[in-house]
Amino acid sequence: MSGAPQTTTRGSGPHAGQRLVTAGAPLDRAALALVMIHGRGGSPEDMIGLADHLALPELAVLAPQAAGRSWWPDSFLAPLEANEPGLSSGLSVVAHLLDDLNAQGFGPERVALVGFSQGACLAVEAAARHAAPYRAVAALSGALVGTSDGGGAARDDLYGRTAKAFDYAGQLPDVPILLGCHEQDPHIPLARVRESTKVLDAMGAAVETIIMPGAGHGIVADEAAWLRKHLNDKGEPHEH
């Protein structure tokens, strides 16, 4: 990522070679880098709009585009194979972005991962699989995808899907992680949010949940305030 800003994603599979939109402060002047992952049917510009709303001038924003505007075809609750190669490709795009940022002097303590909806699931799954002392991770209407299919009977609290296993090798020591969701989200069951909270807690993360009452699927002011708080701290990053 030396010289001119990178404009396409790296990685493997269908999401490599897609648009990479950059905004905010140039990397050579930024305090933090914000990797922002859009939802199904969305675009990088959607996430740039959220970053603009935060009004934090020292952020460099990198927003990758999914091929066909979707990171994978089925629900994140579906059997993993149903969402390949999209899931693995999306994870590879995030991994390469993190590697490229690290090469530019932005280690994980200077990087935040933020996603909405399908992008929220990808962001927090990438954080769990590529465990490191990130500045912050925010899953706005999202939860963990899981590492393998858990089997068993279909569950009503998982919208008729079966369980997943969550076997992550690393740790997320004191990493601030936000899981936000409405009580009745048509895409993200509360049961998976609660399960994800337990998994991430066990990995050492400092997990906060914001559960909005009623039905809905969108970003709320409390989530933006959480982001602003964790990205605007001028002090040292959290202890690890």
C-alpha atoms as a PDB file:
ATOM      1  CA  MET A   1       0.000   0.000   0.000  1.00  0.00           C
ATOM      2  CA  SER A   2       2.902   2.313  -0.616  1.00  0.00           C
ATOM      3  CA  GLY A   3       2.566   5.341  -2.831  1.00  0.00           C
ATOM      4  CA  ALA A   4      -0.909   6.006  -4.201  1.00  0.00           C
ATOM      5  CA  PRO A   5      -3.848   4.663  -2.161  1.00  0.00           C
ATOM      6  CA  GLN A   6      -4.833   1.091  -2.898  1.00  0.00           C
ATOM      7  CA  THR A   7      -8.028   1.013  -4.982  1.00  0.00           C
ATOM      8  CA  THR A   8      -8.790  -2.716  -5.288  1.00  0.00           C
ATOM      9  CA  THR A   9      -9.078  -5.529  -2.772  1.00  0.00           C
ATOM     10  CA  ARG A  10      -6.534  -8.291  -2.449  1.00  0.00           C
ATOM     11  CA  GLY A  11      -7.213 -11.874  -1.423  1.00  0.00           C
ATOM     12  CA  SER A  12      -8.657 -14.987  -3.010  1.00  0.00           C
ATOM     13  CA  GLY A  13     -11.981 -15.835  -4.589  1.00  0.00           C
ATOM     14  CA  PRO A  14     -14.745 -13.591  -5.937  1.00  0.00           C
ATOM     15  CA  HIS A  15     -14.204 -10.652  -3.578  1.00  0.00           C
ATOM     16  CA  ALA A  16     -10.571 -10.112  -4.604  1.00  0.00           C
ATOM     17  CA  GLY A  17     -10.024  -7.410  -7.210  1.00  0.00           C
ATOM     18  CA  GLN A  18     -13.151  -5.473  -6.192  1.00  0.00           C
ATOM     19  CA  ARG A  19     -13.294  -1.777  -5.349  1.00  0.00           C
ATOM     20  CA  LEU A  20     -11.584  -0.560  -2.202  1.00  0.00           C
ATOM     21  CA  VAL A  21     -12.854   2.893  -1.297  1.00  0.00           C
ATOM     22  CA  THR A  22     -10.702   5.057   0.954  1.00  0.00           C
ATOM     23  CA  ALA A  23     -11.772   8.200   2.779  1.00  0.00           C
ATOM     24  CA  GLY A  24     -10.866  10.357   5.747  1.00  0.00           C
ATOM     25  CA  ALA A  25      -7.287  11.132   6.651  1.00  0.00           C
ATOM     26  CA  PRO A  26      -4.438   9.813   4.480  1.00  0.00           C
ATOM     27  CA  LEU A  27      -2.642   6.901   6.133  1.00  0.00           C
ATOM     28  CA  ASP A  28       0.528   8.932   6.565  1.00  0.00           C
ATOM     29  CA  ARG A  29      -1.376  11.410   8.740  1.00  0.00           C
ATOM     30  CA  ALA A  30      -4.020   9.206  10.389  1.00  0.00           C
ATOM     31  CA  ALA A  31      -4.039   8.149  14.033  1.00  0.00           C
ATOM     32  CA  LEU A  32      -6.214   5.090  13.423  1.00  0.00           C
ATOM     33  CA  ALA A  33      -7.404   3.027  10.461  1.00  0.00           C
ATOM     34  CA  LEU A  34     -11.037   1.988  10.253  1.00  0.00           C
ATOM     35  CA  VAL A  35     -11.903  -1.058   8.112  1.00  0.00           C
ATOM     36  CA  MET A  36     -15.630  -0.790   7.351  1.00  0.00           C
ATOM     37  CA  ILE A  37     -17.612  -3.655   5.817  1.00  0.00           C
ATOM     38  CA  HIS A  38     -20.981  -3.057   4.158  1.00  0.00           C
ATOM     39  CA  GLY A  39     -24.070  -5.234   4.391  1.00  0.00           C
ATOM     40  CA  ARG A  40     -25.905  -7.297   1.786  1.00  0.00           C
ATOM     41  CA  GLY A  41     -26.992  -5.088  -1.093  1.00  0.00           C
ATOM     42  CA  GLY A  42     -24.946  -2.209   0.256  1.00  0.00           C
ATOM     43  CA  SER A  43     -21.822  -0.429  -0.885  1.00  0.00           C
ATOM     44  CA  PRO A  44     -18.621   1.021   0.555  1.00  0.00           C
ATOM     45  CA  GLU A  45     -20.193   4.455   0.314  1.00  0.00           C
ATOM     46  CA  ASP A  46     -22.798   3.418   2.890  1.00  0.00           C
ATOM     47  CA  MET A  47     -20.036   2.811   5.401  1.00  0.00           C
ATOM     48  CA  ILE A  48     -18.162   5.969   4.437  1.00  0.00           C
ATOM     49  CA  GLY A  49     -21.344   7.837   5.337  1.00  0.00           C
ATOM     50  CA  LEU A  50     -21.276   6.315   8.820  1.00  0.00           C
ATOM     51  CA  ALA A  51     -17.614   7.270   9.211  1.00  0.00           C
ATOM     52  CA  ASP A  52     -18.440  10.838   8.171  1.00  0.00           C
ATOM     53  CA  HIS A  53     -21.191  10.886  10.805  1.00  0.00           C
ATOM     54  CA  LEU A  54     -18.612  10.061  13.481  1.00  0.00           C
ATOM     55  CA  ALA A  55     -16.790  13.323  12.609  1.00  0.00           C
ATOM     56  CA  LEU A  56     -13.373  12.083  13.724  1.00  0.00           C
ATOM     57  CA  PRO A  57     -10.810  13.773  11.440  1.00  0.00           C
ATOM     58  CA  GLU A  58      -7.850  11.567  12.380  1.00  0.00           C
ATOM     59  CA  LEU A  59      -9.388   8.362  10.982  1.00  0.00           C
ATOM     60  CA  ALA A  60      -8.322   6.708   7.742  1.00  0.00           C
ATOM     61  CA  VAL A  61     -11.253   4.725   6.367  1.00  0.00           C
ATOM     62  CA  LEU A  62     -10.954   1.668   4.108  1.00  0.00           C
ATOM     63  CA  ALA A  63     -14.180   0.141   2.804  1.00  0.00           C
ATOM     64  CA  PRO A  64     -14.059  -2.939   0.539  1.00  0.00           C
ATOM     65  CA  GLN A  65     -16.813  -3.794  -1.957  1.00  0.00           C
ATOM     66  CA  ALA A  66     -18.259  -7.308  -2.103  1.00  0.00           C
ATOM     67  CA  ALA A  67     -18.682  -8.920  -5.513  1.00  0.00           C
ATOM     68  CA  GLY A  68     -22.343  -8.570  -6.453  1.00  0.00           C
ATOM     69  CA  ARG A  69     -22.866  -6.466  -3.295  1.00  0.00           C
ATOM     70  CA  SER A  70     -23.129  -9.585  -1.127  1.00  0.00           C
ATOM     71  CA  TRP A  71     -20.400 -11.348   0.821  1.00  0.00           C
ATOM     72  CA  TRP A  72     -22.230 -14.689   0.673  1.00  0.00           C
ATOM     73  CA  PRO A  73     -25.566 -15.874  -0.719  1.00  0.00           C
ATOM     74  CA  ASP A  74     -27.458 -17.433   2.205  1.00  0.00           C
ATOM     75  CA  SER A  75     -28.086 -16.391   5.801  1.00  0.00           C
ATOM     76  CA  PHE A  76     -25.021 -16.361   8.076  1.00  0.00           C
ATOM     77  CA  LEU A  77     -26.928 -19.009  10.037  1.00  0.00           C
ATOM     78  CA  ALA A  78     -26.837 -21.451   7.089  1.00  0.00           C
ATOM     79  CA  PRO A  79     -24.429 -24.410   6.894  1.00  0.00           C
ATOM     80  CA  LEU A  80     -20.979 -23.034   6.148  1.00  0.00           C
ATOM     81  CA  GLU A  81     -20.675 -24.792   2.791  1.00  0.00           C
ATOM     82  CA  ALA A  82     -23.804 -23.007   1.553  1.00  0.00           C
ATOM     83  CA  ASN A  83     -21.935 -19.704   1.783  1.00  0.00           C
ATOM     84  CA  GLU A  84     -18.705 -20.717   0.074  1.00  0.00           C
ATOM     85  CA  PRO A  85     -16.634 -19.466  -1.611  1.00  0.00           C
ATOM     86  CA  GLY A  86     -18.000 -16.108  -0.463  1.00  0.00           C
ATOM     87  CA  LEU A  87     -17.256 -16.465   3.244  1.00  0.00           C
ATOM     88  CA  SER A  88     -13.666 -17.622   2.782  1.00  0.00           C
ATOM     89  CA  SER A  89     -13.112 -14.972   0.112  1.00  0.00           C
ATOM     90  CA  GLY A  90     -14.451 -12.205   2.351  1.00  0.00           C
ATOM     91  CA  LEU A  91     -12.239 -13.361   5.210  1.00  0.00           C
ATOM     92  CA  SER A  92      -9.233 -13.343   2.875  1.00  0.00           C
ATOM     93  CA  VAL A  93      -9.980  -9.764   1.790  1.00  0.00           C
ATOM     94  CA  VAL A  94     -10.051  -8.608   5.420  1.00  0.00           C
ATOM     95  CA  ALA A  95      -6.876 -10.556   6.240  1.00  0.00           C
ATOM     96  CA  HIS A  96      -5.006  -8.963   3.340  1.00  0.00           C
ATOM     97  CA  LEU A  97      -6.238  -5.498   4.328  1.00  0.00           C
ATOM     98  CA  LEU A  98      -4.941  -6.062   7.855  1.00  0.00           C
ATOM     99  CA  ASP A  99      -1.592  -7.263   6.495  1.00  0.00           C
ATOM    100  CA  ASP A 100      -1.318  -4.246   4.200  1.00  0.00           C
ATOM    101  CA  LEU A 101      -2.155  -1.858   7.030  1.00  0.00           C
ATOM    102  CA  ASN A 102       0.401  -3.527   9.272  1.00  0.00           C
ATOM    103  CA  ALA A 103       3.040  -2.987   6.583  1.00  0.00           C
ATOM    104  CA  GLN A 104       2.152   0.724   6.670  1.00  0.00           C
ATOM    105  CA  GLY A 105       2.716   0.905  10.424  1.00  0.00           C
ATOM    106  CA  PHE A 106      -0.888   0.275  11.449  1.00  0.00           C
ATOM    107  CA  GLY A 107      -0.636  -2.701  13.746  1.00  0.00           C
ATOM    108  CA  PRO A 108      -3.872  -4.094  15.184  1.00  0.00           C
ATOM    109  CA  GLU A 109      -3.817  -1.670  18.105  1.00  0.00           C
ATOM    110  CA  ARG A 110      -4.306   1.129  15.535  1.00  0.00           C
ATOM    111  CA  VAL A 111      -7.031  -0.668  13.568  1.00  0.00           C
ATOM    112  CA  ALA A 112     -10.770  -0.960  14.182  1.00  0.00           C
ATOM    113  CA  LEU A 113     -13.056  -3.388  12.361  1.00  0.00           C
ATOM    114  CA  VAL A 114     -16.631  -2.200  11.846  1.00  0.00           C
ATOM    115  CA  GLY A 115     -19.431  -3.778   9.852  1.00  0.00           C
ATOM    116  CA  PHE A 116     -23.173  -3.570   9.369  1.00  0.00           C
ATOM    117  CA  SER A 117     -25.492  -6.596   9.019  1.00  0.00           C
ATOM    118  CA  GLN A 118     -23.793  -9.186   6.806  1.00  0.00           C
ATOM    119  CA  GLY A 119     -20.667  -7.030   7.008  1.00  0.00           C
ATOM    120  CA  ALA A 120     -20.964  -7.040  10.814  1.00  0.00           C
ATOM    121  CA  CYS A 121     -20.914 -10.835  10.794  1.00  0.00           C
ATOM    122  CA  LEU A 122     -17.846 -10.789   8.543  1.00  0.00           C
ATOM    123  CA  ALA A 123     -16.078  -8.173  10.694  1.00  0.00           C
ATOM    124  CA  VAL A 124     -16.508  -9.965  14.018  1.00  0.00           C
ATOM    125  CA  GLU A 125     -15.788 -13.373  12.468  1.00  0.00           C
ATOM    126  CA  ALA A 126     -12.551 -12.004  10.984  1.00  0.00           C
ATOM    127  CA  ALA A 127     -11.610 -10.539  14.368  1.00  0.00           C
ATOM    128  CA  ALA A 128     -12.180 -13.894  16.087  1.00  0.00           C
ATOM    129  CA  ARG A 129     -10.314 -15.922  13.461  1.00  0.00           C
ATOM    130  CA  HIS A 130      -7.439 -13.436  13.154  1.00  0.00           C
ATOM    131  CA  ALA A 131      -7.278 -12.673  16.865  1.00  0.00           C
ATOM    132  CA  ALA A 132      -5.094  -9.668  17.712  1.00  0.00           C
ATOM    133  CA  PRO A 133      -5.212  -6.647  20.044  1.00  0.00           C
ATOM    134  CA  TYR A 134      -7.468  -4.533  17.806  1.00  0.00           C
ATOM    135  CA  ARG A 135      -8.358  -1.007  18.847  1.00  0.00           C
ATOM    136  CA  ALA A 136     -12.050  -1.919  18.621  1.00  0.00           C
ATOM    137  CA  VAL A 137     -14.492  -4.213  16.810  1.00  0.00           C
ATOM    138  CA  ALA A 138     -18.107  -3.249  16.175  1.00  0.00           C
ATOM    139  CA  ALA A 139     -20.727  -5.613  14.789  1.00  0.00           C
ATOM    140  CA  LEU A 140     -23.727  -3.388  14.050  1.00  0.00           C
ATOM    141  CA  SER A 141     -26.627  -5.843  13.690  1.00  0.00           C
ATOM    142  CA  GLY A 142     -24.427  -8.908  13.510  1.00  0.00           C
ATOM    143  CA  ALA A 143     -22.875 -11.877  15.323  1.00  0.00           C
ATOM    144  CA  LEU A 144     -20.334 -14.648  14.823  1.00  0.00           C
ATOM    145  CA  VAL A 145     -20.675 -16.964  11.836  1.00  0.00           C
ATOM    146  CA  GLY A 146     -18.878 -19.901  13.464  1.00  0.00           C
ATOM    147  CA  THR A 147     -16.067 -22.253  12.474  1.00  0.00           C
ATOM    148  CA  SER A 148     -18.015 -25.448  11.761  1.00  0.00           C
ATOM    149  CA  ASP A 149     -21.536 -26.812  11.672  1.00  0.00           C
ATOM    150  CA  GLY A 150     -22.673 -27.944  15.083  1.00  0.00           C
ATOM    151  CA  GLY A 151     -25.405 -30.310  13.955  1.00  0.00           C
ATOM    152  CA  GLY A 152     -28.434 -31.164  16.012  1.00  0.00           C
ATOM    153  CA  ALA A 153     -32.033 -30.210  15.442  1.00  0.00           C
ATOM    154  CA  ALA A 154     -33.251 -26.999  13.869  1.00  0.00           C
ATOM    155  CA  ARG A 155     -33.862 -24.397  16.558  1.00  0.00           C
ATOM    156  CA  ASP A 156     -36.680 -21.890  16.714  1.00  0.00           C
ATOM    157  CA  ASP A 157     -34.410 -19.344  18.408  1.00  0.00           C
ATOM    158  CA  LEU A 158     -32.032 -19.646  15.437  1.00  0.00           C
ATOM    159  CA  TYR A 159     -34.816 -19.033  12.932  1.00  0.00           C
ATOM    160  CA  GLY A 160     -35.114 -22.696  12.014  1.00  0.00           C
ATOM    161  CA  ARG A 161     -31.359 -23.254  11.599  1.00  0.00           C
ATOM    162  CA  THR A 162     -29.048 -25.648  13.413  1.00  0.00           C
ATOM    163  CA  ALA A 163     -26.260 -24.762  15.833  1.00  0.00           C
ATOM    164  CA  LYS A 164     -22.670 -23.862  14.979  1.00  0.00           C
ATOM    165  CA  ALA A 165     -19.362 -24.534  16.703  1.00  0.00           C
ATOM    166  CA  PHE A 166     -17.092 -21.628  17.633  1.00  0.00           C
ATOM    167  CA  ASP A 167     -13.546 -22.945  17.893  1.00  0.00           C
ATOM    168  CA  TYR A 168     -11.135 -20.012  17.693  1.00  0.00           C
ATOM    169  CA  ALA A 169      -7.471 -20.538  18.498  1.00  0.00           C
ATOM    170  CA  GLY A 170      -6.445 -17.036  19.546  1.00  0.00           C
ATOM    171  CA  GLN A 171      -7.276 -14.515  22.227  1.00  0.00           C
ATOM    172  CA  LEU A 172      -8.696 -10.976  22.138  1.00  0.00           C
ATOM    173  CA  PRO A 173      -7.231  -9.567  25.365  1.00  0.00           C
ATOM    174  CA  ASP A 174      -9.389  -6.655  26.560  1.00  0.00           C
ATOM    175  CA  VAL A 175     -10.344  -5.762  22.970  1.00  0.00           C
ATOM    176  CA  PRO A 176     -13.483  -3.602  23.064  1.00  0.00           C
ATOM    177  CA  ILE A 177     -16.149  -5.381  21.026  1.00  0.00           C
ATOM    178  CA  LEU A 178     -19.675  -4.143  20.406  1.00  0.00           C
ATOM    179  CA  LEU A 179     -22.503  -6.470  19.409  1.00  0.00           C
ATOM    180  CA  GLY A 180     -25.611  -4.476  18.554  1.00  0.00           C
ATOM    181  CA  CYS A 181     -28.992  -5.890  17.609  1.00  0.00           C
ATOM    182  CA  HIS A 182     -32.711  -5.315  17.895  1.00  0.00           C
ATOM    183  CA  GLU A 183     -34.681  -7.700  20.096  1.00  0.00           C
ATOM    184  CA  GLN A 184     -36.578  -8.835  17.020  1.00  0.00           C
ATOM    185  CA  ASP A 185     -34.174  -8.571  14.102  1.00  0.00           C
ATOM    186  CA  PRO A 186     -35.392 -10.394  10.988  1.00  0.00           C
ATOM    187  CA  HIS A 187     -31.836 -11.491  10.104  1.00  0.00           C
ATOM    188  CA  ILE A 188     -29.891 -11.712  13.386  1.00  0.00           C
ATOM    189  CA  PRO A 189     -31.402 -13.877  16.143  1.00  0.00           C
ATOM    190  CA  LEU A 190     -30.813 -12.683  19.685  1.00  0.00           C
ATOM    191  CA  ALA A 191     -29.767 -16.221  20.650  1.00  0.00           C
ATOM    192  CA  ARG A 192     -26.754 -16.001  18.316  1.00  0.00           C
ATOM    193  CA  VAL A 193     -25.829 -12.558  19.667  1.00  0.00           C
ATOM    194  CA  ARG A 194     -25.863 -13.910  23.226  1.00  0.00           C
ATOM    195  CA  GLU A 195     -23.868 -16.986  22.229  1.00  0.00           C
ATOM    196  CA  SER A 196     -21.331 -14.784  20.434  1.00  0.00           C
ATOM    197  CA  THR A 197     -20.987 -12.649  23.552  1.00  0.00           C
ATOM    198  CA  LYS A 198     -20.080 -15.718  25.609  1.00  0.00           C
ATOM    199  CA  VAL A 199     -17.559 -16.933  23.032  1.00  0.00           C
ATOM    200  CA  LEU A 200     -15.858 -13.540  22.772  1.00  0.00           C
ATOM    201  CA  ASP A 201     -15.867 -13.108  26.558  1.00  0.00           C
ATOM    202  CA  ALA A 202     -14.063 -16.445  26.832  1.00  0.00           C
ATOM    203  CA  MET A 203     -11.456 -15.116  24.385  1.00  0.00           C
ATOM    204  CA  GLY A 204     -10.753 -12.264  26.789  1.00  0.00           C
ATOM    205  CA  ALA A 205     -12.568  -9.501  24.919  1.00  0.00           C
ATOM    206  CA  ALA A 206     -14.327  -6.619  26.650  1.00  0.00           C
ATOM    207  CA  VAL A 207     -17.724  -7.235  25.054  1.00  0.00           C
ATOM    208  CA  GLU A 208     -20.630  -4.813  25.254  1.00  0.00           C
ATOM    209  CA  THR A 209     -24.056  -5.529  23.833  1.00  0.00           C
ATOM    210  CA  ILE A 210     -26.613  -2.944  22.819  1.00  0.00           C
ATOM    211  CA  ILE A 211     -29.995  -4.615  22.443  1.00  0.00           C
ATOM    212  CA  MET A 212     -32.629  -2.292  21.053  1.00  0.00           C
ATOM    213  CA  PRO A 213     -36.236  -2.980  22.060  1.00  0.00           C
ATOM    214  CA  GLY A 214     -38.764  -4.129  19.496  1.00  0.00           C
ATOM    215  CA  ALA A 215     -38.266  -5.028  15.864  1.00  0.00           C
ATOM    216  CA  GLY A 216     -35.738  -3.482  13.502  1.00  0.00           C
ATOM    217  CA  HIS A 217     -32.516  -3.826  11.569  1.00  0.00           C
ATOM    218  CA  GLY A 218     -30.377  -0.710  11.462  1.00  0.00           C
ATOM    219  CA  ILE A 219     -27.715   1.414  13.107  1.00  0.00           C
ATOM    220  CA  VAL A 220     -28.797   3.446  16.125  1.00  0.00           C
ATOM    221  CA  ALA A 221     -27.357   6.472  17.909  1.00  0.00           C
ATOM    222  CA  ASP A 222     -26.066   4.446  20.880  1.00  0.00           C
ATOM    223  CA  GLU A 223     -23.907   2.377  18.534  1.00  0.00           C
ATOM    224  CA  ALA A 224     -22.457   5.473  16.885  1.00  0.00           C
ATOM    225  CA  ALA A 225     -21.748   6.902  20.338  1.00  0.00           C
ATOM    226  CA  TRP A 226     -19.906   3.692  21.330  1.00  0.00           C
ATOM    227  CA  LEU A 227     -17.781   3.934  18.205  1.00  0.00           C
ATOM    228  CA  ARG A 228     -17.005   7.591  18.768  1.00  0.00           C
ATOM    229  CA  LYS A 229     -15.982   6.878  22.368  1.00  0.00           C
ATOM    230  CA  HIS A 230     -13.605   4.041  21.479  1.00  0.00           C
ATOM    231  CA  LEU A 231     -12.083   5.735  18.445  1.00  0.00           C
ATOM    232  CA  ASN A 232     -11.732   9.223  19.914  1.00  0.00           C
ATOM    233  CA  ASP A 233      -9.743   8.307  23.015  1.00  0.00           C
ATOM    234  CA  LYS A 234      -6.547  10.336  22.774  1.00  0.00           C
ATOM    235  CA  GLY A 235      -4.898   8.289  25.509  1.00  0.00           C
ATOM    236  CA  GLU A 236      -3.003   5.050  25.192  1.00  0.00           C
ATOM    237  CA  PRO A 237      -4.821   2.047  23.680  1.00  0.00           C
ATOM    238  CA  HIS A 238      -6.370  -0.376  26.149  1.00  0.00           C
ATOM    239  CA  GLU A 239      -4.000  -2.600  28.084  1.00  0.00           C
ATOM    240  CA  HIS A 240      -3.348  -6.119  26.827  1.00  0.00           C
END
